[in-house]
Amino acid sequence: MLPGYHKTSDERVGLSITWTWTDIAKVVVTLDLVTVMEDAFVAFSEGKAVIPPVGELHFDTPPGDVHLKYGFLRGGEHYVVKIASGFYDNPKRGLSSSNGMMLLFNQRTGEPVAVLLDEGKLTDLRTAAAGAVAAKYLGPKTVHGIGI
């Protein structure tokens, strides 16, 4: 259960807060992200994850793109909509080239539960955890060096 999230007797939820990266980071450090990612891969391979095709917006001026991703686990409590953007001239403006947020909803009622203003950092952590899972199961047992 998310901190600040509550159910009432009729399954309605209360939207408590918009989480910034500072708020999210306090929770993320308590998680074993590699195990969470392993569980996600298992759920996907068992057909429990519903993940429709990615939506995309492309911009010429300024150069950039936005990806819309969404999904849920069958039998879960929530579904998520992720918006991830990349605007490649942003560093010239003193801004990050990537940004994003996730919107969490109650799977039974469609009501919003949380807005996660993660600045795209959850995607970075997910990518790292997925790489760690791949290395764990697909890499050699003994590693003498690694290139990045």
Protein backbone atom coordinates (compact mmCIF):
# COMPACT_ATOMS: atom_id res chain seq x y z
CA MET A 1 0.00 0.00 0.00
CA LEU A 2 1.32 3.42 -0.89
CA PRO A 3 1.84 5.87 1.98
CA GLY A 4 -1.02 8.35 2.03
CA TYR A 5 -3.28 6.05 -0.03
CA HIS A 6 -6.45 4.84 1.58
CA LYS A 7 -9.49 2.81 0.63
CA THR A 8 -12.97 3.38 1.89
CA SER A 9 -15.53 0.64 2.34
CA ASP A 10 -16.91 1.02 -1.20
CA GLU A 11 -13.50 0.58 -2.90
CA ARG A 12 -13.15 4.31 -3.61
CA VAL A 13 -9.74 5.74 -3.01
CA GLY A 14 -8.40 9.03 -1.83
CA LEU A 15 -5.79 10.79 -3.95
CA SER A 16 -3.42 11.92 -1.29
CA ILE A 17 -0.38 13.47 -2.86
CA THR A 18 1.61 14.26 -5.90
CA TRP A 19 4.98 12.62 -5.35
CA THR A 20 8.18 14.38 -6.43
CA TRP A 21 11.45 12.55 -7.06
CA THR A 22 12.52 13.43 -3.50
CA ASP A 23 9.45 11.61 -2.12
CA ILE A 24 9.83 8.65 -4.49
CA ALA A 25 13.55 8.22 -3.75
CA LYS A 26 12.81 7.68 -0.05
CA VAL A 27 10.70 4.64 -0.96
CA VAL A 28 12.90 3.32 -3.78
CA VAL A 29 15.93 2.93 -1.51
CA THR A 30 13.93 0.48 0.64
CA LEU A 31 13.29 -1.87 -2.31
CA ASP A 32 15.35 -4.68 -3.81
CA LEU A 33 14.89 -3.50 -7.39
CA VAL A 34 16.54 -6.54 -8.98
CA THR A 35 14.08 -8.87 -7.22
CA VAL A 36 11.19 -6.58 -8.17
CA MET A 37 12.33 -6.71 -11.81
CA GLU A 38 12.70 -10.51 -11.68
CA ASP A 39 9.11 -10.72 -10.42
CA ALA A 40 7.99 -8.41 -13.24
CA PHE A 41 9.67 -10.60 -15.87
CA VAL A 42 7.98 -13.69 -14.40
CA ALA A 43 4.56 -11.98 -14.40
CA PHE A 44 5.08 -10.93 -18.03
CA SER A 45 6.17 -14.42 -19.11
CA GLU A 46 3.14 -15.94 -17.38
CA GLY A 47 0.78 -13.63 -19.32
CA LYS A 48 -0.25 -11.66 -16.23
CA ALA A 49 1.01 -8.31 -17.57
CA VAL A 50 -1.15 -6.40 -20.03
CA ILE A 51 1.09 -4.00 -21.95
CA PRO A 52 -0.41 -2.42 -25.11
CA PRO A 53 1.78 -0.95 -27.88
CA VAL A 54 3.68 2.25 -27.10
CA GLY A 55 2.15 5.58 -28.17
CA GLU A 56 4.55 8.12 -29.66
CA LEU A 57 4.67 11.81 -30.50
CA HIS A 58 7.58 13.16 -32.56
CA PHE A 59 8.58 16.81 -32.82
CA ASP A 60 10.86 18.44 -35.38
CA THR A 61 11.24 21.91 -33.86
CA PRO A 62 12.57 21.64 -31.28
CA PRO A 63 13.70 18.04 -31.81
CA GLY A 64 12.04 15.75 -29.34
CA ASP A 65 9.72 12.88 -28.70
CA VAL A 66 7.21 11.69 -26.15
CA HIS A 67 6.44 8.04 -25.44
CA LEU A 68 3.24 6.93 -23.75
CA LYS A 69 3.34 3.54 -22.08
CA TYR A 70 0.65 1.92 -19.99
CA GLY A 71 -0.27 -1.38 -18.46
CA PHE A 72 -1.46 -3.41 -15.54
CA LEU A 73 -1.18 -6.81 -13.93
CA ARG A 74 -4.25 -9.02 -14.15
CA GLY A 75 -5.74 -9.24 -10.66
CA GLY A 76 -3.71 -6.26 -9.46
CA GLU A 77 -4.97 -3.17 -7.67
CA HIS A 78 -3.64 -0.50 -10.05
CA TYR A 79 -2.85 0.43 -13.60
CA VAL A 80 -0.24 2.96 -14.69
CA VAL A 81 0.21 5.44 -17.52
CA LYS A 82 3.79 6.56 -18.07
CA ILE A 83 4.73 9.67 -20.04
CA ALA A 84 8.42 9.92 -20.97
CA SER A 85 9.84 12.76 -23.01
CA GLY A 86 13.14 13.57 -24.63
CA PHE A 87 13.84 17.08 -25.95
CA TYR A 88 17.38 17.09 -27.19
CA ASP A 89 18.03 20.84 -27.23
CA ASN A 90 17.15 21.13 -23.54
CA PRO A 91 20.76 20.92 -22.28
CA LYS A 92 21.42 24.16 -24.21
CA ARG A 93 18.68 25.68 -22.04
CA GLY A 94 20.11 24.27 -18.83
CA LEU A 95 17.41 21.57 -18.68
CA SER A 96 17.59 17.79 -18.70
CA SER A 97 17.01 16.24 -22.12
CA SER A 98 14.68 13.67 -20.58
CA ASN A 99 11.75 13.98 -18.25
CA GLY A 100 8.61 12.11 -17.34
CA MET A 101 5.92 11.18 -14.94
CA MET A 102 3.64 8.28 -14.09
CA LEU A 103 -0.04 8.36 -13.28
CA LEU A 104 -1.32 5.60 -11.00
CA PHE A 105 -5.00 4.65 -11.04
CA ASN A 106 -7.25 2.24 -9.15
CA GLN A 107 -7.85 -0.76 -11.43
CA ARG A 108 -11.37 -1.33 -10.07
CA THR A 109 -12.72 2.23 -10.23
CA GLY A 110 -10.44 4.17 -12.59
CA GLU A 111 -9.89 6.80 -9.93
CA PRO A 112 -6.48 8.48 -9.76
CA VAL A 113 -4.34 7.33 -6.85
CA ALA A 114 -1.05 9.16 -7.33
CA VAL A 115 0.93 11.38 -9.65
CA LEU A 116 4.61 10.40 -9.65
CA LEU A 117 6.79 13.28 -10.87
CA ASP A 118 9.85 11.06 -11.17
CA GLU A 119 11.67 13.15 -13.82
CA GLY A 120 12.25 9.92 -15.77
CA LYS A 121 14.41 8.49 -13.00
CA LEU A 122 12.19 5.44 -12.39
CA THR A 123 12.82 4.48 -16.02
CA ASP A 124 16.57 4.73 -15.42
CA LEU A 125 16.28 2.48 -12.35
CA ARG A 126 14.07 0.00 -14.20
CA THR A 127 16.58 -0.18 -17.05
CA ALA A 128 19.45 -0.79 -14.62
CA ALA A 129 17.52 -3.47 -12.74
CA ALA A 130 16.53 -5.20 -16.01
CA GLY A 131 20.19 -5.20 -17.06
CA ALA A 132 21.19 -6.71 -13.74
CA VAL A 133 18.60 -9.49 -14.17
CA ALA A 134 19.84 -10.19 -17.71
CA ALA A 135 23.45 -10.31 -16.51
CA LYS A 136 22.51 -12.59 -13.61
CA TYR A 137 20.75 -15.17 -15.77
CA LEU A 138 22.41 -14.79 -19.18
CA GLY A 139 25.96 -13.73 -18.37
CA PRO A 140 28.91 -15.98 -17.70
CA LYS A 141 29.37 -17.31 -14.17
CA THR A 142 32.81 -15.68 -13.92
CA VAL A 143 33.39 -12.15 -15.17
CA HIS A 144 36.89 -10.72 -15.47
CA GLY A 145 35.98 -7.35 -16.94
CA ILE A 146 33.08 -5.30 -18.18
CA GLY A 147 32.76 -2.52 -20.74
CA ILE A 148 30.15 0.17 -20.67
